[in-house]
C-alpha atoms as a PDB file:
ATOM      1  CA  UNK A   1      56.599   8.262 134.282  1.00  0.00           C
ATOM      2  CA  UNK A   2      55.158   9.282 137.662  1.00  0.00           C
ATOM      3  CA  UNK A   3      58.394  11.125 138.360  1.00  0.00           C
ATOM      4  CA  UNK A   4      60.229   7.831 138.911  1.00  0.00           C
ATOM      5  CA  UNK A   5      63.973   7.855 138.237  1.00  0.00           C
ATOM      6  CA  UNK A   6      65.086   4.505 136.793  1.00  0.00           C
ATOM      7  CA  UNK A   7      68.533   3.116 137.571  1.00  0.00           C
ATOM      8  CA  UNK A   8      69.265   0.061 135.405  1.00  0.00           C
ATOM      9  CA  UNK A   9      71.726  -2.512 136.742  1.00  0.00           C
ATOM     10  CA  UNK A  10      72.888  -5.380 134.507  1.00  0.00           C
ATOM     11  CA  UNK A  11      74.550  -7.689 136.984  1.00  0.00           C
ATOM     12  CA  UNK A  12      75.414 -10.268 134.319  1.00  0.00           C
ATOM     13  CA  UNK A  13      77.410  -7.539 132.551  1.00  0.00           C
ATOM     14  CA  UNK A  14      79.368  -6.592 135.646  1.00  0.00           C
ATOM     15  CA  UNK A  15      76.967  -4.050 137.143  1.00  0.00           C
ATOM     16  CA  UNK A  16      76.936  -3.639 140.917  1.00  0.00           C
ATOM     17  CA  UNK A  17      73.820  -3.696 143.057  1.00  0.00           C
ATOM     18  CA  UNK A  18      73.179  -0.560 145.114  1.00  0.00           C
ATOM     19  CA  UNK A  19      72.486  -0.615 148.821  1.00  0.00           C
ATOM     20  CA  UNK A  20      68.943  -1.994 148.926  1.00  0.00           C
ATOM     21  CA  UNK A  21      68.064   0.535 151.619  1.00  0.00           C
ATOM     22  CA  UNK A  22      68.580   3.326 149.069  1.00  0.00           C
ATOM     23  CA  UNK A  23      66.095   1.798 146.588  1.00  0.00           C
ATOM     24  CA  UNK A  24      62.376   2.635 146.533  1.00  0.00           C
ATOM     25  CA  UNK A  25      61.142  -0.005 144.051  1.00  0.00           C
ATOM     26  CA  UNK A  26      62.719  -3.084 142.460  1.00  0.00           C
ATOM     27  CA  UNK A  27      61.827  -4.485 139.028  1.00  0.00           C
ATOM     28  CA  UNK A  28      63.738  -7.671 138.147  1.00  0.00           C
ATOM     29  CA  UNK A  29      63.472  -8.948 134.580  1.00  0.00           C
ATOM     30  CA  UNK A  30      64.225 -12.190 132.757  1.00  0.00           C
ATOM     31  CA  UNK A  31      67.329 -13.903 131.460  1.00  0.00           C
ATOM     32  CA  UNK A  32      68.469 -17.143 129.797  1.00  0.00           C
ATOM     33  CA  UNK A  33      70.036 -18.591 132.958  1.00  0.00           C
ATOM     34  CA  UNK A  34      68.291 -20.430 135.769  1.00  0.00           C
ATOM     35  CA  UNK A  35      67.963 -19.065 139.281  1.00  0.00           C
ATOM     36  CA  UNK A  36      69.969 -22.109 140.432  1.00  0.00           C
ATOM     37  CA  UNK A  37      72.905 -21.598 138.025  1.00  0.00           C
ATOM     38  CA  UNK A  38      75.355 -20.158 140.577  1.00  0.00           C
ATOM     39  CA  UNK A  39      78.194 -22.368 139.268  1.00  0.00           C
ATOM     40  CA  UNK A  40      78.098 -20.647 135.883  1.00  0.00           C
ATOM     41  CA  UNK A  41      76.851 -17.295 137.173  1.00  0.00           C
ATOM     42  CA  UNK A  42      78.293 -16.662 140.655  1.00  0.00           C
ATOM     43  CA  UNK A  43      76.605 -13.240 140.877  1.00  0.00           C
ATOM     44  CA  UNK A  44      73.271 -15.005 141.353  1.00  0.00           C
ATOM     45  CA  UNK A  45      74.208 -15.834 144.950  1.00  0.00           C
ATOM     46  CA  UNK A  46      74.658 -12.188 145.890  1.00  0.00           C
ATOM     47  CA  UNK A  47      71.577 -11.098 143.972  1.00  0.00           C
ATOM     48  CA  UNK A  48      69.344 -13.582 145.793  1.00  0.00           C
ATOM     49  CA  UNK A  49      70.711 -12.481 149.150  1.00  0.00           C
ATOM     50  CA  UNK A  50      70.059  -8.857 148.170  1.00  0.00           C
ATOM     51  CA  UNK A  51      66.474  -9.656 147.095  1.00  0.00           C
ATOM     52  CA  UNK A  52      65.767 -11.570 150.311  1.00  0.00           C
ATOM     53  CA  UNK A  53      66.959  -8.694 152.478  1.00  0.00           C
ATOM     54  CA  UNK A  54      65.053  -6.065 150.505  1.00  0.00           C
ATOM     55  CA  UNK A  55      61.783  -7.991 150.249  1.00  0.00           C
ATOM     56  CA  UNK A  56      61.739  -9.158 153.857  1.00  0.00           C
ATOM     57  CA  UNK A  57      62.240  -5.525 154.853  1.00  0.00           C
ATOM     58  CA  UNK A  58      59.129  -4.595 152.844  1.00  0.00           C
ATOM     59  CA  UNK A  59      60.678  -3.106 149.694  1.00  0.00           C
ATOM     60  CA  UNK A  60      58.258  -3.231 146.715  1.00  0.00           C
ATOM     61  CA  UNK A  61      59.397  -5.830 144.164  1.00  0.00           C
ATOM     62  CA  UNK A  62      58.068  -6.934 140.782  1.00  0.00           C
ATOM     63  CA  UNK A  63      59.820  -9.932 139.228  1.00  0.00           C
ATOM     64  CA  UNK A  64      59.193 -11.145 135.679  1.00  0.00           C
ATOM     65  CA  UNK A  65      60.116 -14.697 134.543  1.00  0.00           C
ATOM     66  CA  UNK A  66      63.650 -15.139 135.965  1.00  0.00           C
ATOM     67  CA  UNK A  67      62.856 -12.222 138.276  1.00  0.00           C
ATOM     68  CA  UNK A  68      59.943 -14.225 139.721  1.00  0.00           C
ATOM     69  CA  UNK A  69      62.099 -17.339 140.072  1.00  0.00           C
ATOM     70  CA  UNK A  70      64.783 -15.304 141.869  1.00  0.00           C
ATOM     71  CA  UNK A  71      62.159 -13.953 144.252  1.00  0.00           C
ATOM     72  CA  UNK A  72      60.955 -17.476 145.040  1.00  0.00           C
ATOM     73  CA  UNK A  73      64.497 -18.831 145.448  1.00  0.00           C
ATOM     74  CA  UNK A  74      65.590 -15.919 147.635  1.00  0.00           C
ATOM     75  CA  UNK A  75      62.718 -16.738 150.009  1.00  0.00           C
ATOM     76  CA  UNK A  76      63.695 -20.396 150.286  1.00  0.00           C
ATOM     77  CA  UNK A  77      61.405 -21.943 147.655  1.00  0.00           C
ATOM     78  CA  UNK A  78      62.513 -24.538 145.108  1.00  0.00           C
ATOM     79  CA  UNK A  79      63.246 -23.452 141.525  1.00  0.00           C
ATOM     80  CA  UNK A  80      63.789 -26.211 138.963  1.00  0.00           C
ATOM     81  CA  UNK A  81      63.500 -27.271 135.345  1.00  0.00           C
ATOM     82  CA  UNK A  82      59.861 -27.847 134.419  1.00  0.00           C
ATOM     83  CA  UNK A  83      58.373 -30.894 132.674  1.00  0.00           C
ATOM     84  CA  UNK A  84      58.293 -29.110 129.298  1.00  0.00           C
ATOM     85  CA  UNK A  85      58.938 -25.682 127.807  1.00  0.00           C
ATOM     86  CA  UNK A  86      55.945 -23.349 127.846  1.00  0.00           C
ATOM     87  CA  UNK A  87      56.137 -21.087 124.797  1.00  0.00           C
ATOM     88  CA  UNK A  88      53.301 -19.124 123.197  1.00  0.00           C
ATOM     89  CA  UNK A  89      50.468 -16.740 123.885  1.00  0.00           C
ATOM     90  CA  UNK A  90      48.434 -18.628 126.463  1.00  0.00           C
ATOM     91  CA  UNK A  91      45.802 -17.935 129.115  1.00  0.00           C
ATOM     92  CA  UNK A  92      46.645 -17.435 132.766  1.00  0.00           C
ATOM     93  CA  UNK A  93      43.743 -18.073 135.121  1.00  0.00           C
ATOM     94  CA  UNK A  94      43.637 -16.255 138.438  1.00  0.00           C
ATOM     95  CA  UNK A  95      43.087 -18.160 141.662  1.00  0.00           C
ATOM     96  CA  UNK A  96      40.474 -17.068 144.197  1.00  0.00           C
ATOM     97  CA  UNK A  97      43.297 -15.268 145.996  1.00  0.00           C
ATOM     98  CA  UNK A  98      44.338 -13.625 142.728  1.00  0.00           C
ATOM     99  CA  UNK A  99      40.816 -12.393 142.059  1.00  0.00           C
ATOM    100  CA  UNK A 100      40.805 -10.842 145.541  1.00  0.00           C
ATOM    101  CA  UNK A 101      44.328  -9.421 145.352  1.00  0.00           C
ATOM    102  CA  UNK A 102      44.633  -5.602 145.487  1.00  0.00           C
ATOM    103  CA  UNK A 103      46.697  -5.607 142.267  1.00  0.00           C
ATOM    104  CA  UNK A 104      45.589  -8.674 140.295  1.00  0.00           C
ATOM    105  CA  UNK A 105      41.858  -8.244 140.901  1.00  0.00           C
ATOM    106  CA  UNK A 106      41.730  -5.561 138.186  1.00  0.00           C
ATOM    107  CA  UNK A 107      42.752  -8.171 135.574  1.00  0.00           C
ATOM    108  CA  UNK A 108      39.490 -10.138 135.770  1.00  0.00           C
ATOM    109  CA  UNK A 109      39.358 -13.914 136.014  1.00  0.00           C
ATOM    110  CA  UNK A 110      42.025 -14.576 133.355  1.00  0.00           C
ATOM    111  CA  UNK A 111      44.385 -12.875 130.912  1.00  0.00           C
ATOM    112  CA  UNK A 112      46.318 -13.728 127.773  1.00  0.00           C
ATOM    113  CA  UNK A 113      50.066 -13.724 128.352  1.00  0.00           C
ATOM    114  CA  UNK A 114      53.292 -14.394 126.478  1.00  0.00           C
ATOM    115  CA  UNK A 115      55.010 -17.459 127.918  1.00  0.00           C
ATOM    116  CA  UNK A 116      58.633 -18.340 127.178  1.00  0.00           C
ATOM    117  CA  UNK A 117      60.251 -20.444 129.875  1.00  0.00           C
ATOM    118  CA  UNK A 118      61.355 -23.940 130.811  1.00  0.00           C
ATOM    119  CA  UNK A 119      61.844 -23.496 134.549  1.00  0.00           C
ATOM    120  CA  UNK A 120      59.306 -23.272 137.322  1.00  0.00           C
ATOM    121  CA  UNK A 121      59.161 -22.385 141.011  1.00  0.00           C
ATOM    122  CA  UNK A 122      57.321 -23.287 144.178  1.00  0.00           C
ATOM    123  CA  UNK A 123      55.426 -20.553 145.992  1.00  0.00           C
ATOM    124  CA  UNK A 124      57.536 -19.717 149.071  1.00  0.00           C
ATOM    125  CA  UNK A 125      56.242 -20.254 152.581  1.00  0.00           C
ATOM    126  CA  UNK A 126      54.015 -17.342 153.478  1.00  0.00           C
ATOM    127  CA  UNK A 127      53.436 -16.488 149.798  1.00  0.00           C
ATOM    128  CA  UNK A 128      50.012 -16.164 148.172  1.00  0.00           C
ATOM    129  CA  UNK A 129      49.341 -18.130 144.962  1.00  0.00           C
ATOM    130  CA  UNK A 130      47.708 -15.798 142.424  1.00  0.00           C
ATOM    131  CA  UNK A 131      47.587 -17.492 139.016  1.00  0.00           C
ATOM    132  CA  UNK A 132      48.033 -20.703 136.993  1.00  0.00           C
ATOM    133  CA  UNK A 133      48.240 -21.875 133.392  1.00  0.00           C
ATOM    134  CA  UNK A 134      47.301 -25.260 131.943  1.00  0.00           C
ATOM    135  CA  UNK A 135      50.945 -26.402 131.890  1.00  0.00           C
ATOM    136  CA  UNK A 136      52.332 -24.681 134.976  1.00  0.00           C
ATOM    137  CA  UNK A 137      50.450 -24.284 138.234  1.00  0.00           C
ATOM    138  CA  UNK A 138      52.598 -21.467 139.574  1.00  0.00           C
ATOM    139  CA  UNK A 139      52.342 -18.438 137.308  1.00  0.00           C
ATOM    140  CA  UNK A 140      52.080 -15.606 139.842  1.00  0.00           C
ATOM    141  CA  UNK A 141      52.426 -15.031 143.561  1.00  0.00           C
ATOM    142  CA  UNK A 142      52.668 -12.322 146.181  1.00  0.00           C
ATOM    143  CA  UNK A 143      54.886 -12.225 149.244  1.00  0.00           C
ATOM    144  CA  UNK A 144      54.049  -9.742 151.956  1.00  0.00           C
ATOM    145  CA  UNK A 145      52.107  -6.718 150.781  1.00  0.00           C
ATOM    146  CA  UNK A 146      54.128  -5.395 147.840  1.00  0.00           C
ATOM    147  CA  UNK A 147      56.406  -8.142 146.432  1.00  0.00           C
ATOM    148  CA  UNK A 148      55.060  -9.856 143.308  1.00  0.00           C
ATOM    149  CA  UNK A 149      56.429 -12.441 140.892  1.00  0.00           C
ATOM    150  CA  UNK A 150      54.975 -13.383 137.490  1.00  0.00           C
ATOM    151  CA  UNK A 151      56.253 -16.242 135.337  1.00  0.00           C
ATOM    152  CA  UNK A 152      54.813 -14.770 132.137  1.00  0.00           C
ATOM    153  CA  UNK A 153      56.173 -11.793 130.212  1.00  0.00           C
ATOM    154  CA  UNK A 154      54.388  -8.438 130.469  1.00  0.00           C
ATOM    155  CA  UNK A 155      57.153  -6.259 129.020  1.00  0.00           C
ATOM    156  CA  UNK A 156      57.363  -7.443 125.405  1.00  0.00           C
ATOM    157  CA  UNK A 157      56.512  -5.021 122.586  1.00  0.00           C
ATOM    158  CA  UNK A 158      56.322  -5.514 118.811  1.00  0.00           C
ATOM    159  CA  UNK A 159      59.776  -3.956 118.500  1.00  0.00           C
ATOM    160  CA  UNK A 160      61.277  -6.285 121.084  1.00  0.00           C
ATOM    161  CA  UNK A 161      59.790  -9.363 119.450  1.00  0.00           C
ATOM    162  CA  UNK A 162      61.070  -8.186 116.068  1.00  0.00           C
ATOM    163  CA  UNK A 163      64.566  -7.884 117.528  1.00  0.00           C
ATOM    164  CA  UNK A 164      64.343 -11.321 119.130  1.00  0.00           C
ATOM    165  CA  UNK A 165      63.809 -12.992 115.764  1.00  0.00           C
ATOM    166  CA  UNK A 166      67.425 -12.166 114.897  1.00  0.00           C
ATOM    167  CA  UNK A 167      68.796 -13.897 118.006  1.00  0.00           C
ATOM    168  CA  UNK A 168      69.729 -17.472 116.990  1.00  0.00           C
ATOM    169  CA  UNK A 169      69.165 -18.887 120.477  1.00  0.00           C
ATOM    170  CA  UNK A 170      65.632 -17.454 120.588  1.00  0.00           C
ATOM    171  CA  UNK A 171      64.755 -18.773 117.139  1.00  0.00           C
ATOM    172  CA  UNK A 172      66.048 -22.216 118.099  1.00  0.00           C
ATOM    173  CA  UNK A 173      64.093 -22.158 121.353  1.00  0.00           C
ATOM    174  CA  UNK A 174      60.884 -21.317 119.484  1.00  0.00           C
ATOM    175  CA  UNK A 175      61.589 -23.962 116.831  1.00  0.00           C
ATOM    176  CA  UNK A 176      62.255 -26.606 119.478  1.00  0.00           C
ATOM    177  CA  UNK A 177      59.012 -25.832 121.321  1.00  0.00           C
ATOM    178  CA  UNK A 178      56.684 -25.017 118.424  1.00  0.00           C
ATOM    179  CA  UNK A 179      58.132 -26.598 115.266  1.00  0.00           C
ATOM    180  CA  UNK A 180      60.052 -25.379 112.236  1.00  0.00           C
ATOM    181  CA  UNK A 181      58.054 -22.144 111.909  1.00  0.00           C
ATOM    182  CA  UNK A 182      57.957 -21.683 115.653  1.00  0.00           C
ATOM    183  CA  UNK A 183      59.032 -18.066 115.802  1.00  0.00           C
ATOM    184  CA  UNK A 184      56.687 -17.067 113.000  1.00  0.00           C
ATOM    185  CA  UNK A 185      53.702 -18.730 114.681  1.00  0.00           C
ATOM    186  CA  UNK A 186      54.643 -17.104 117.985  1.00  0.00           C
ATOM    187  CA  UNK A 187      54.877 -13.696 116.329  1.00  0.00           C
ATOM    188  CA  UNK A 188      51.480 -14.203 114.674  1.00  0.00           C
ATOM    189  CA  UNK A 189      49.830 -15.125 117.985  1.00  0.00           C
ATOM    190  CA  UNK A 190      51.508 -12.164 119.657  1.00  0.00           C
ATOM    191  CA  UNK A 191      50.183  -9.805 116.982  1.00  0.00           C
ATOM    192  CA  UNK A 192      46.639 -11.074 117.401  1.00  0.00           C
ATOM    193  CA  UNK A 193      46.682 -10.661 121.187  1.00  0.00           C
ATOM    194  CA  UNK A 194      49.018  -7.678 121.550  1.00  0.00           C
ATOM    195  CA  UNK A 195      46.308  -5.132 122.371  1.00  0.00           C
ATOM    196  CA  UNK A 196      44.836  -7.301 125.103  1.00  0.00           C
ATOM    197  CA  UNK A 197      48.256  -8.125 126.536  1.00  0.00           C
ATOM    198  CA  UNK A 198      49.348  -4.479 126.508  1.00  0.00           C
ATOM    199  CA  UNK A 199      46.181  -3.494 128.370  1.00  0.00           C
ATOM    200  CA  UNK A 200      46.834  -6.198 130.989  1.00  0.00           C
ATOM    201  CA  UNK A 201      50.452  -5.082 131.356  1.00  0.00           C
ATOM    202  CA  UNK A 202      49.424  -1.456 131.896  1.00  0.00           C
ATOM    203  CA  UNK A 203      46.752  -2.504 134.392  1.00  0.00           C
ATOM    204  CA  UNK A 204      49.189  -4.713 136.290  1.00  0.00           C
ATOM    205  CA  UNK A 205      52.033  -2.192 136.448  1.00  0.00           C
ATOM    206  CA  UNK A 206      49.831   0.783 137.302  1.00  0.00           C
ATOM    207  CA  UNK A 207      47.988  -1.280 139.900  1.00  0.00           C
ATOM    208  CA  UNK A 208      51.258  -2.347 141.507  1.00  0.00           C
ATOM    209  CA  UNK A 209      52.592   1.222 141.608  1.00  0.00           C
ATOM    210  CA  UNK A 210      49.330   2.545 143.045  1.00  0.00           C
ATOM    211  CA  UNK A 211      49.270  -0.228 145.646  1.00  0.00           C
ATOM    212  CA  UNK A 212      52.875   0.476 146.632  1.00  0.00           C
ATOM    213  CA  UNK A 213      52.081   4.175 147.084  1.00  0.00           C
ATOM    214  CA  UNK A 214      48.967   3.492 149.140  1.00  0.00           C
ATOM    215  CA  UNK A 215      50.769   0.936 151.287  1.00  0.00           C
ATOM    216  CA  UNK A 216      53.687   3.288 151.954  1.00  0.00           C
ATOM    217  CA  UNK A 217      51.273   6.025 153.104  1.00  0.00           C
ATOM    218  CA  UNK A 218      49.623   3.866 155.766  1.00  0.00           C
END
C-alpha cells in the first residue's frame, strides 16, 4: 500500500528494535501487558526509551491501545489500571481540538469504536486531547505534529475477531466484563457496526499517512 515496506518487530517474542533513525513511520499495536509491567516484561523499558527518542525527534507514530499507553508513558505521563474494564462497541466523542485536528477532523463529531482495555493514561505535557468515551476521558491524543495515540481498536477485522473467540483469555475477559455470553454479544455488536468502524479506520489511517507526507514536505 502506497509503496510502504512494512518491517514487523515482535519485541515480546525476542525481536530487536531497529535504529529509530532508519525508520520512516512507527505503528505500535496492542498487547495483554500494561505499559508499566517492566518487572515481568523488561523489554518495555527499552521500547519506551526508543519511542521517546523517535517521537521527540519528530518521527510519525500511531499507537493503538497498548501502543497509545506506551506513547503516553514514554513522554512522562501516568499509565495505570482504570476504574473498570471498557469492553464493547462504544462511541468516542471528539473534543473541540479533535474536531479541528488535521487527521481526526475527517471523522466527524464522534465514531463507533471497539473498546477492549482495563488500563488508561494521562495525556502527556504538551499533548493535545482529541477524544473521550463515557467511561474513559482519554481516548485519543496527539503529541507534536505527527504522533498519535488511540485507546480504541481500529485494526480488528471479522477474521481477527473470529480467531479471538478461540483464545481462552479473551473469552474470559469478555465474560468477566459483559456476562456469560460476553464474547457472543461483543461479536454481534461488532457485526452490526463493522462497516462504520472500517470506514473510520480507513479514514483515520489514510488521514494520518497523508498528514505525515504533507508535514515531511514542508
